[in-house]
Amino acid sequence: MNRRTFLKIGTVAGSTLVAGRAEAAEKGNPEEFVGVLVDTTRCIGCRACERACSVEHDLPVPDIENDGALAALRPTTETQWTVVNRFATSKGEVFVKKQCLHCWQPACAAACLTNAMEKTRSGPVVWHPRKCMGCRYCLVSCPFDIPKFEYHSWNPKIQKCSMCSERLEQGLEPACVGSCPTDALTFGTKRELMEIARLRIYHHPDRYVHQIYGESEVGGTGWLYLSAVPFEEIGFRTDLGTTPYPEYTRDFLYGVPLVLFGLPALQFGLHLLADKKDEAMEPSES
């Protein structure tokens, strides 16, 4: 195989690879994906879900007796996949659990060039370490800033909530759900969770804002939220729209093969032309 054939095949292969990643996130019925309904009106900020998550995934166990952890808003980290934050709102204190929302069409999976980040058939978005090449496109593409990179590890991983996908395969619910003492977390298919959420709003119209966060945001998410106050008061982005993020990133993704393969091929071609021009200008030996 000569260099021209190699570059041509590389360009086609790269295009096929990226197109496959963009389309992979669109498969599956979102109503049948599993997820969790978070009723923030029931959350008491006990942080039992944080402990359960850390124990289940062999992460550093947080000191949930330390109320000082709620003094400031916390992001998820590579060692803490879920956190509970406290918000001062127009209706008093509200506690909100934060973790990966497991989008129907996740931007992180669409941006991944090697399918290391995958939307599984049942719903969880999971990371496959053996497929990851460390590009970290998943970090910058997520509108919720969820995937985290182990910058200080010699063998870094992408860390985030997996919705306890291994437990789901065993017929168990996520560890955090079973740990909640107030039933603020409900596990089920999105169809089931939407029915539960709508009934709660219907029966208690003065308790909830008439919105289910995650129903349609960025195309819909696996984790859904109910709230007594507008969602912007408790840290949720309300500027995301309803279009799945892969729709926005597809043009970028289709441009990646051009950068990875097309431009090097062009530069190689220009280099060959320059060499031929130099050879033509060299004086012939008499």
C-alpha atoms as a PDB file:
ATOM      1  CA  MET A   1       0.000   0.000   0.000  1.00  0.00           C
ATOM      2  CA  ASN A   2       1.496   3.363  -1.032  1.00  0.00           C
ATOM      3  CA  ARG A   3       1.176   6.546   1.019  1.00  0.00           C
ATOM      4  CA  ARG A   4      -1.571   7.977  -1.186  1.00  0.00           C
ATOM      5  CA  THR A   5      -3.770   4.927  -0.687  1.00  0.00           C
ATOM      6  CA  PHE A   6      -3.097   4.964   3.058  1.00  0.00           C
ATOM      7  CA  LEU A   7      -4.162   8.593   3.435  1.00  0.00           C
ATOM      8  CA  LYS A   8      -7.275   8.045   1.336  1.00  0.00           C
ATOM      9  CA  ILE A   9      -8.359   5.061   3.426  1.00  0.00           C
ATOM     10  CA  GLY A  10      -7.595   6.956   6.623  1.00  0.00           C
ATOM     11  CA  THR A  11      -9.853   9.827   5.594  1.00  0.00           C
ATOM     12  CA  VAL A  12     -12.766   7.545   4.726  1.00  0.00           C
ATOM     13  CA  ALA A  13     -12.323   5.494   7.893  1.00  0.00           C
ATOM     14  CA  GLY A  14     -12.245   8.603  10.040  1.00  0.00           C
ATOM     15  CA  SER A  15     -15.426   9.931   8.462  1.00  0.00           C
ATOM     16  CA  THR A  16     -17.205   6.631   9.002  1.00  0.00           C
ATOM     17  CA  LEU A  17     -16.043   6.441  12.610  1.00  0.00           C
ATOM     18  CA  VAL A  18     -17.279   9.893  13.572  1.00  0.00           C
ATOM     19  CA  ALA A  19     -20.561   9.513  11.702  1.00  0.00           C
ATOM     20  CA  GLY A  20     -21.179   6.310  13.616  1.00  0.00           C
ATOM     21  CA  ARG A  21     -20.602   8.063  16.932  1.00  0.00           C
ATOM     22  CA  ALA A  22     -23.046  10.830  16.053  1.00  0.00           C
ATOM     23  CA  GLU A  23     -25.765   8.369  15.064  1.00  0.00           C
ATOM     24  CA  ALA A  24     -25.276   5.949  17.966  1.00  0.00           C
ATOM     25  CA  ALA A  25     -26.844   8.307  20.481  1.00  0.00           C
ATOM     26  CA  GLU A  26     -30.125   8.438  18.557  1.00  0.00           C
ATOM     27  CA  LYS A  27     -31.084   4.792  19.000  1.00  0.00           C
ATOM     28  CA  GLY A  28     -33.675   3.552  21.472  1.00  0.00           C
ATOM     29  CA  ASN A  29     -37.087   4.569  22.759  1.00  0.00           C
ATOM     30  CA  PRO A  30     -36.596   7.294  25.388  1.00  0.00           C
ATOM     31  CA  GLU A  31     -39.824   6.334  27.146  1.00  0.00           C
ATOM     32  CA  GLU A  32     -38.452   2.873  27.940  1.00  0.00           C
ATOM     33  CA  PHE A  33     -35.022   3.940  29.158  1.00  0.00           C
ATOM     34  CA  VAL A  34     -34.688   3.640  32.920  1.00  0.00           C
ATOM     35  CA  GLY A  35     -34.041   6.644  35.098  1.00  0.00           C
ATOM     36  CA  VAL A  36     -34.760   8.259  38.445  1.00  0.00           C
ATOM     37  CA  LEU A  37     -37.295  10.858  39.542  1.00  0.00           C
ATOM     38  CA  VAL A  38     -35.889  13.276  42.132  1.00  0.00           C
ATOM     39  CA  ASP A  39     -38.554  15.037  44.191  1.00  0.00           C
ATOM     40  CA  THR A  40     -36.688  17.950  45.743  1.00  0.00           C
ATOM     41  CA  THR A  41     -39.645  18.725  48.026  1.00  0.00           C
ATOM     42  CA  ARG A  42     -38.900  15.458  49.847  1.00  0.00           C
ATOM     43  CA  CYS A  43     -35.112  15.764  50.102  1.00  0.00           C
ATOM     44  CA  ILE A  44     -33.886  16.606  53.628  1.00  0.00           C
ATOM     45  CA  GLY A  45     -30.202  16.949  52.761  1.00  0.00           C
ATOM     46  CA  CYS A  46     -29.104  13.895  54.751  1.00  0.00           C
ATOM     47  CA  ARG A  47     -26.592  12.953  52.033  1.00  0.00           C
ATOM     48  CA  ALA A  48     -27.224   9.230  52.510  1.00  0.00           C
ATOM     49  CA  CYS A  49     -27.206   8.959  48.713  1.00  0.00           C
ATOM     50  CA  GLU A  50     -23.657  10.327  48.646  1.00  0.00           C
ATOM     51  CA  ARG A  51     -22.471   7.675  51.063  1.00  0.00           C
ATOM     52  CA  ALA A  52     -24.296   4.861  49.261  1.00  0.00           C
ATOM     53  CA  CYS A  53     -22.768   5.880  45.928  1.00  0.00           C
ATOM     54  CA  SER A  54     -19.245   6.035  47.341  1.00  0.00           C
ATOM     55  CA  VAL A  55     -19.544   2.660  49.076  1.00  0.00           C
ATOM     56  CA  GLU A  56     -21.004   0.996  45.975  1.00  0.00           C
ATOM     57  CA  HIS A  57     -18.246   2.252  43.679  1.00  0.00           C
ATOM     58  CA  ASP A  58     -15.308   2.042  46.087  1.00  0.00           C
ATOM     59  CA  LEU A  59     -14.841   5.813  46.250  1.00  0.00           C
ATOM     60  CA  PRO A  60     -13.727   7.854  49.283  1.00  0.00           C
ATOM     61  CA  VAL A  61     -16.688   7.848  51.675  1.00  0.00           C
ATOM     62  CA  PRO A  62     -17.808  11.383  52.585  1.00  0.00           C
ATOM     63  CA  ASP A  63     -18.426  12.446  56.168  1.00  0.00           C
ATOM     64  CA  ILE A  64     -22.161  13.006  55.884  1.00  0.00           C
ATOM     65  CA  GLU A  65     -22.343  14.162  59.503  1.00  0.00           C
ATOM     66  CA  ASN A  66     -20.322  17.230  58.524  1.00  0.00           C
ATOM     67  CA  ASP A  67     -22.963  19.860  57.828  1.00  0.00           C
ATOM     68  CA  GLY A  68     -20.213  22.227  56.718  1.00  0.00           C
ATOM     69  CA  ALA A  69     -20.162  20.450  53.354  1.00  0.00           C
ATOM     70  CA  LEU A  70     -23.484  22.143  52.577  1.00  0.00           C
ATOM     71  CA  ALA A  71     -22.130  25.625  53.246  1.00  0.00           C
ATOM     72  CA  ALA A  72     -21.048  26.059  49.623  1.00  0.00           C
ATOM     73  CA  LEU A  73     -22.303  24.690  46.318  1.00  0.00           C
ATOM     74  CA  ARG A  74     -20.288  21.676  45.244  1.00  0.00           C
ATOM     75  CA  PRO A  75     -19.734  20.164  41.800  1.00  0.00           C
ATOM     76  CA  THR A  76     -19.370  16.463  41.240  1.00  0.00           C
ATOM     77  CA  THR A  77     -15.748  15.321  41.144  1.00  0.00           C
ATOM     78  CA  GLU A  78     -13.716  12.337  39.999  1.00  0.00           C
ATOM     79  CA  THR A  79     -14.002  10.932  43.545  1.00  0.00           C
ATOM     80  CA  GLN A  80     -17.601  11.939  44.264  1.00  0.00           C
ATOM     81  CA  TRP A  81     -20.082  11.104  41.524  1.00  0.00           C
ATOM     82  CA  THR A  82     -23.086  12.620  43.283  1.00  0.00           C
ATOM     83  CA  VAL A  83     -23.436  15.557  45.667  1.00  0.00           C
ATOM     84  CA  VAL A  84     -26.306  17.205  47.507  1.00  0.00           C
ATOM     85  CA  ASN A  85     -26.385  21.002  47.523  1.00  0.00           C
ATOM     86  CA  ARG A  86     -28.413  23.408  49.628  1.00  0.00           C
ATOM     87  CA  PHE A  87     -30.101  26.420  48.041  1.00  0.00           C
ATOM     88  CA  ALA A  88     -31.718  29.430  49.680  1.00  0.00           C
ATOM     89  CA  THR A  89     -34.884  30.035  47.660  1.00  0.00           C
ATOM     90  CA  SER A  90     -38.056  32.095  47.719  1.00  0.00           C
ATOM     91  CA  LYS A  91     -39.667  29.232  49.672  1.00  0.00           C
ATOM     92  CA  GLY A  92     -36.821  28.531  52.067  1.00  0.00           C
ATOM     93  CA  GLU A  93     -34.053  25.956  51.941  1.00  0.00           C
ATOM     94  CA  VAL A  94     -34.151  23.366  49.179  1.00  0.00           C
ATOM     95  CA  PHE A  95     -31.781  20.415  48.880  1.00  0.00           C
ATOM     96  CA  VAL A  96     -30.901  19.106  45.423  1.00  0.00           C
ATOM     97  CA  LYS A  97     -29.051  15.939  44.435  1.00  0.00           C
ATOM     98  CA  LYS A  98     -26.686  16.366  41.498  1.00  0.00           C
ATOM     99  CA  GLN A  99     -25.187  13.676  39.241  1.00  0.00           C
ATOM    100  CA  CYS A 100     -25.105  12.695  35.568  1.00  0.00           C
ATOM    101  CA  LEU A 101     -28.566  13.128  34.036  1.00  0.00           C
ATOM    102  CA  HIS A 102     -28.089  10.317  31.490  1.00  0.00           C
ATOM    103  CA  CYS A 103     -29.446  12.194  28.471  1.00  0.00           C
ATOM    104  CA  TRP A 104     -31.483  10.418  25.817  1.00  0.00           C
ATOM    105  CA  GLN A 105     -29.035  11.664  23.174  1.00  0.00           C
ATOM    106  CA  PRO A 106     -25.929  12.475  25.233  1.00  0.00           C
ATOM    107  CA  ALA A 107     -23.497  15.001  23.839  1.00  0.00           C
ATOM    108  CA  CYS A 108     -20.629  13.197  25.549  1.00  0.00           C
ATOM    109  CA  ALA A 109     -21.329   9.970  23.648  1.00  0.00           C
ATOM    110  CA  ALA A 110     -21.800  11.779  20.345  1.00  0.00           C
ATOM    111  CA  ALA A 111     -18.500  13.613  20.812  1.00  0.00           C
ATOM    112  CA  CYS A 112     -16.557  10.449  21.637  1.00  0.00           C
ATOM    113  CA  LEU A 113     -14.496   9.314  18.652  1.00  0.00           C
ATOM    114  CA  THR A 114     -13.980   5.765  19.919  1.00  0.00           C
ATOM    115  CA  ASN A 115     -17.370   4.944  21.468  1.00  0.00           C
ATOM    116  CA  ALA A 116     -15.759   4.869  24.909  1.00  0.00           C
ATOM    117  CA  MET A 117     -18.747   6.840  26.189  1.00  0.00           C
ATOM    118  CA  GLU A 118     -21.873   4.878  25.346  1.00  0.00           C
ATOM    119  CA  LYS A 119     -25.611   5.250  25.766  1.00  0.00           C
ATOM    120  CA  THR A 120     -26.610   1.712  26.712  1.00  0.00           C
ATOM    121  CA  ARG A 121     -29.781  -0.017  25.575  1.00  0.00           C
ATOM    122  CA  SER A 122     -31.370   0.270  29.023  1.00  0.00           C
ATOM    123  CA  GLY A 123     -30.559   3.942  29.504  1.00  0.00           C
ATOM    124  CA  PRO A 124     -27.378   4.560  31.538  1.00  0.00           C
ATOM    125  CA  VAL A 125     -24.535   6.434  29.879  1.00  0.00           C
ATOM    126  CA  VAL A 126     -21.353   4.531  30.716  1.00  0.00           C
ATOM    127  CA  TRP A 127     -17.626   4.886  30.041  1.00  0.00           C
ATOM    128  CA  HIS A 128     -15.489   2.017  28.670  1.00  0.00           C
ATOM    129  CA  PRO A 129     -11.849   2.479  29.757  1.00  0.00           C
ATOM    130  CA  ARG A 130     -10.349   0.144  27.141  1.00  0.00           C
ATOM    131  CA  LYS A 131     -11.821   2.208  24.311  1.00  0.00           C
ATOM    132  CA  CYS A 132     -10.866   5.647  25.627  1.00  0.00           C
ATOM    133  CA  MET A 133      -8.017   7.512  23.940  1.00  0.00           C
ATOM    134  CA  GLY A 134      -8.021  10.398  26.423  1.00  0.00           C
ATOM    135  CA  CYS A 135      -9.201  13.174  24.084  1.00  0.00           C
ATOM    136  CA  ARG A 136     -11.610  14.515  26.767  1.00  0.00           C
ATOM    137  CA  TYR A 137     -14.152  15.715  24.201  1.00  0.00           C
ATOM    138  CA  CYS A 138     -16.798  14.307  26.551  1.00  0.00           C
ATOM    139  CA  LEU A 139     -15.796  16.830  29.210  1.00  0.00           C
ATOM    140  CA  VAL A 140     -16.167  19.897  27.032  1.00  0.00           C
ATOM    141  CA  SER A 141     -19.311  18.705  25.249  1.00  0.00           C
ATOM    142  CA  CYS A 142     -21.480  18.022  28.324  1.00  0.00           C
ATOM    143  CA  PRO A 143     -23.890  20.927  28.968  1.00  0.00           C
ATOM    144  CA  PHE A 144     -24.114  19.906  32.635  1.00  0.00           C
ATOM    145  CA  ASP A 145     -20.339  19.722  33.247  1.00  0.00           C
ATOM    146  CA  ILE A 146     -20.527  16.175  34.580  1.00  0.00           C
ATOM    147  CA  PRO A 147     -17.668  13.947  33.292  1.00  0.00           C
ATOM    148  CA  LYS A 148     -14.488  14.464  35.292  1.00  0.00           C
ATOM    149  CA  PHE A 149     -10.901  13.542  34.389  1.00  0.00           C
ATOM    150  CA  GLU A 150      -8.332  12.156  36.833  1.00  0.00           C
ATOM    151  CA  TYR A 151      -5.614  14.711  36.131  1.00  0.00           C
ATOM    152  CA  HIS A 152      -3.405  13.529  38.990  1.00  0.00           C
ATOM    153  CA  SER A 153      -3.421   9.825  38.127  1.00  0.00           C
ATOM    154  CA  TRP A 154      -0.720   8.013  36.159  1.00  0.00           C
ATOM    155  CA  ASN A 155      -3.523   6.007  34.531  1.00  0.00           C
ATOM    156  CA  PRO A 156      -6.351   8.557  34.371  1.00  0.00           C
ATOM    157  CA  LYS A 157     -10.006   7.657  33.963  1.00  0.00           C
ATOM    158  CA  ILE A 158     -13.163   9.539  33.094  1.00  0.00           C
ATOM    159  CA  GLN A 159     -15.340   9.456  36.191  1.00  0.00           C
ATOM    160  CA  LYS A 160     -19.071  10.067  36.523  1.00  0.00           C
ATOM    161  CA  CYS A 161     -22.307   8.493  37.728  1.00  0.00           C
ATOM    162  CA  SER A 162     -23.052   5.281  35.829  1.00  0.00           C
ATOM    163  CA  MET A 163     -26.562   4.921  37.294  1.00  0.00           C
ATOM    164  CA  CYS A 164     -25.130   1.754  38.860  1.00  0.00           C
ATOM    165  CA  SER A 165     -25.356  -0.001  35.485  1.00  0.00           C
ATOM    166  CA  GLU A 166     -23.872  -3.208  36.916  1.00  0.00           C
ATOM    167  CA  ARG A 167     -26.583  -3.296  39.585  1.00  0.00           C
ATOM    168  CA  LEU A 168     -29.228  -2.764  36.917  1.00  0.00           C
ATOM    169  CA  GLU A 169     -27.929  -5.811  35.040  1.00  0.00           C
ATOM    170  CA  GLN A 170     -28.554  -7.808  38.225  1.00  0.00           C
ATOM    171  CA  GLY A 171     -32.114  -6.527  38.517  1.00  0.00           C
ATOM    172  CA  LEU A 172     -31.272  -4.081  41.320  1.00  0.00           C
ATOM    173  CA  GLU A 173     -31.999  -0.368  41.547  1.00  0.00           C
ATOM    174  CA  PRO A 174     -29.224   2.241  41.849  1.00  0.00           C
ATOM    175  CA  ALA A 175     -27.597   2.279  45.286  1.00  0.00           C
ATOM    176  CA  CYS A 176     -28.591   5.870  45.990  1.00  0.00           C
ATOM    177  CA  VAL A 177     -32.295   5.156  45.440  1.00  0.00           C
ATOM    178  CA  GLY A 178     -32.492   2.467  48.096  1.00  0.00           C
ATOM    179  CA  SER A 179     -30.582   4.600  50.591  1.00  0.00           C
ATOM    180  CA  CYS A 180     -33.009   7.541  50.582  1.00  0.00           C
ATOM    181  CA  PRO A 181     -35.022   7.620  53.852  1.00  0.00           C
ATOM    182  CA  THR A 182     -37.715   9.981  52.514  1.00  0.00           C
ATOM    183  CA  ASP A 183     -38.435   8.373  49.131  1.00  0.00           C
ATOM    184  CA  ALA A 184     -37.160  11.460  47.355  1.00  0.00           C
ATOM    185  CA  LEU A 185     -35.732   9.128  44.692  1.00  0.00           C
ATOM    186  CA  THR A 186     -37.920   6.862  42.555  1.00  0.00           C
ATOM    187  CA  PHE A 187     -36.491   4.396  40.023  1.00  0.00           C
ATOM    188  CA  GLY A 188     -38.320   3.251  36.890  1.00  0.00           C
ATOM    189  CA  THR A 189     -38.691   3.750  33.168  1.00  0.00           C
ATOM    190  CA  LYS A 190     -39.096   7.299  31.973  1.00  0.00           C
ATOM    191  CA  ARG A 191     -42.674   6.568  30.998  1.00  0.00           C
ATOM    192  CA  GLU A 192     -43.454   5.393  34.536  1.00  0.00           C
ATOM    193  CA  LEU A 193     -41.610   8.288  36.144  1.00  0.00           C
ATOM    194  CA  MET A 194     -43.385  10.861  33.991  1.00  0.00           C
ATOM    195  CA  GLU A 195     -46.743   9.424  35.052  1.00  0.00           C
ATOM    196  CA  ILE A 196     -45.760   9.614  38.724  1.00  0.00           C
ATOM    197  CA  ALA A 197     -44.476  13.169  38.363  1.00  0.00           C
ATOM    198  CA  ARG A 198     -47.591  14.377  36.549  1.00  0.00           C
ATOM    199  CA  LEU A 199     -49.858  12.820  39.160  1.00  0.00           C
ATOM    200  CA  ARG A 200     -47.970  14.545  41.970  1.00  0.00           C
ATOM    201  CA  ILE A 201     -48.311  17.903  40.248  1.00  0.00           C
ATOM    202  CA  TYR A 202     -51.997  17.229  39.545  1.00  0.00           C
ATOM    203  CA  HIS A 203     -52.831  16.255  43.122  1.00  0.00           C
ATOM    204  CA  HIS A 204     -50.650  18.965  44.710  1.00  0.00           C
ATOM    205  CA  PRO A 205     -50.700  21.912  42.287  1.00  0.00           C
ATOM    206  CA  ASP A 206     -49.640  24.362  44.996  1.00  0.00           C
ATOM    207  CA  ARG A 207     -46.666  22.267  46.087  1.00  0.00           C
ATOM    208  CA  TYR A 208     -44.861  22.045  42.754  1.00  0.00           C
ATOM    209  CA  VAL A 209     -43.996  24.300  39.853  1.00  0.00           C
ATOM    210  CA  HIS A 210     -45.758  22.861  36.828  1.00  0.00           C
ATOM    211  CA  GLN A 211     -42.624  21.632  35.121  1.00  0.00           C
ATOM    212  CA  ILE A 212     -40.721  18.359  35.112  1.00  0.00           C
ATOM    213  CA  TYR A 213     -37.063  19.124  34.523  1.00  0.00           C
ATOM    214  CA  GLY A 214     -35.581  16.582  32.137  1.00  0.00           C
ATOM    215  CA  GLU A 215     -38.814  15.883  30.300  1.00  0.00           C
ATOM    216  CA  SER A 216     -37.587  17.705  27.218  1.00  0.00           C
ATOM    217  CA  GLU A 217     -34.399  19.603  28.134  1.00  0.00           C
ATOM    218  CA  VAL A 218     -31.672  18.824  25.559  1.00  0.00           C
ATOM    219  CA  GLY A 219     -34.032  16.250  24.083  1.00  0.00           C
ATOM    220  CA  GLY A 220     -34.874  14.668  27.431  1.00  0.00           C
ATOM    221  CA  THR A 221     -32.872  13.103  30.249  1.00  0.00           C
ATOM    222  CA  GLY A 222     -33.088   9.910  32.262  1.00  0.00           C
ATOM    223  CA  TRP A 223     -33.066  11.736  35.584  1.00  0.00           C
ATOM    224  CA  LEU A 224     -36.150  13.884  36.157  1.00  0.00           C
ATOM    225  CA  TYR A 225     -36.775  16.550  38.794  1.00  0.00           C
ATOM    226  CA  LEU A 226     -39.747  18.040  40.612  1.00  0.00           C
ATOM    227  CA  SER A 227     -39.429  21.321  42.484  1.00  0.00           C
ATOM    228  CA  ALA A 228     -41.434  23.748  44.592  1.00  0.00           C
ATOM    229  CA  VAL A 229     -39.589  26.725  43.107  1.00  0.00           C
ATOM    230  CA  PRO A 230     -38.486  27.686  39.587  1.00  0.00           C
ATOM    231  CA  PHE A 231     -35.567  25.519  38.575  1.00  0.00           C
ATOM    232  CA  GLU A 232     -33.210  28.433  38.039  1.00  0.00           C
ATOM    233  CA  GLU A 233     -33.445  29.063  41.805  1.00  0.00           C
ATOM    234  CA  ILE A 234     -31.904  25.667  42.539  1.00  0.00           C
ATOM    235  CA  GLY A 235     -29.016  25.707  40.128  1.00  0.00           C
ATOM    236  CA  PHE A 236     -30.505  24.192  36.992  1.00  0.00           C
ATOM    237  CA  ARG A 237     -29.712  25.519  33.550  1.00  0.00           C
ATOM    238  CA  THR A 238     -32.896  26.730  31.903  1.00  0.00           C
ATOM    239  CA  ASP A 239     -31.251  28.048  28.742  1.00  0.00           C
ATOM    240  CA  LEU A 240     -30.566  24.701  27.073  1.00  0.00           C
ATOM    241  CA  GLY A 241     -33.648  24.362  24.904  1.00  0.00           C
ATOM    242  CA  THR A 242     -35.179  21.069  23.812  1.00  0.00           C
ATOM    243  CA  THR A 243     -32.889  20.158  20.904  1.00  0.00           C
ATOM    244  CA  PRO A 244     -30.564  17.203  21.623  1.00  0.00           C
ATOM    245  CA  TYR A 245     -26.996  18.463  21.808  1.00  0.00           C
ATOM    246  CA  PRO A 246     -25.692  16.033  19.149  1.00  0.00           C
ATOM    247  CA  GLU A 247     -27.753  18.085  16.678  1.00  0.00           C
ATOM    248  CA  TYR A 248     -25.481  21.028  17.463  1.00  0.00           C
ATOM    249  CA  THR A 249     -22.243  19.058  17.507  1.00  0.00           C
ATOM    250  CA  ARG A 250     -22.794  16.947  14.397  1.00  0.00           C
ATOM    251  CA  ASP A 251     -21.294  19.548  12.050  1.00  0.00           C
ATOM    252  CA  PHE A 252     -18.238  19.756  14.273  1.00  0.00           C
ATOM    253  CA  LEU A 253     -17.921  15.988  14.433  1.00  0.00           C
ATOM    254  CA  TYR A 254     -18.093  15.622  10.672  1.00  0.00           C
ATOM    255  CA  GLY A 255     -15.298  18.183  10.469  1.00  0.00           C
ATOM    256  CA  VAL A 256     -12.991  16.174  12.718  1.00  0.00           C
ATOM    257  CA  PRO A 257     -11.855  13.739   9.982  1.00  0.00           C
ATOM    258  CA  LEU A 258     -10.878  16.729   7.845  1.00  0.00           C
ATOM    259  CA  VAL A 259      -8.644  18.006  10.625  1.00  0.00           C
ATOM    260  CA  LEU A 260      -7.245  14.595  11.520  1.00  0.00           C
ATOM    261  CA  PHE A 261      -6.760  13.210   8.027  1.00  0.00           C
ATOM    262  CA  GLY A 262      -7.612  15.754   5.339  1.00  0.00           C
ATOM    263  CA  LEU A 263      -5.250  18.531   6.390  1.00  0.00           C
ATOM    264  CA  PRO A 264      -2.265  16.190   6.875  1.00  0.00           C
ATOM    265  CA  ALA A 265      -2.982  14.718   3.441  1.00  0.00           C
ATOM    266  CA  LEU A 266      -3.093  18.223   1.938  1.00  0.00           C
ATOM    267  CA  GLN A 267       0.164  19.177   3.645  1.00  0.00           C
ATOM    268  CA  PHE A 268       1.772  15.971   2.437  1.00  0.00           C
ATOM    269  CA  GLY A 269       0.652  16.703  -1.114  1.00  0.00           C
ATOM    270  CA  LEU A 270       2.019  20.255  -0.982  1.00  0.00           C
ATOM    271  CA  HIS A 271       5.284  18.880   0.340  1.00  0.00           C
ATOM    272  CA  LEU A 272       5.556  16.481  -2.618  1.00  0.00           C
ATOM    273  CA  LEU A 273       4.822  19.290  -5.080  1.00  0.00           C
ATOM    274  CA  ALA A 274       7.495  21.447  -3.469  1.00  0.00           C
ATOM    275  CA  ASP A 275      10.015  18.612  -3.711  1.00  0.00           C
ATOM    276  CA  LYS A 276       9.224  18.073  -7.393  1.00  0.00           C
ATOM    277  CA  LYS A 277       9.539  21.790  -8.063  1.00  0.00           C
ATOM    278  CA  ASP A 278      12.934  21.885  -6.351  1.00  0.00           C
ATOM    279  CA  GLU A 279      14.086  18.894  -8.387  1.00  0.00           C
ATOM    280  CA  ALA A 280      12.995  20.569 -11.608  1.00  0.00           C
ATOM    281  CA  MET A 281      14.918  23.747 -10.755  1.00  0.00           C
ATOM    282  CA  GLU A 282      18.166  21.957  -9.901  1.00  0.00           C
ATOM    283  CA  PRO A 283      20.780  22.337 -12.715  1.00  0.00           C
ATOM    284  CA  SER A 284      21.511  19.129 -14.540  1.00  0.00           C
ATOM    285  CA  GLU A 285      25.044  17.786 -14.396  1.00  0.00           C
ATOM    286  CA  SER A 286      27.047  18.432 -17.559  1.00  0.00           C
END
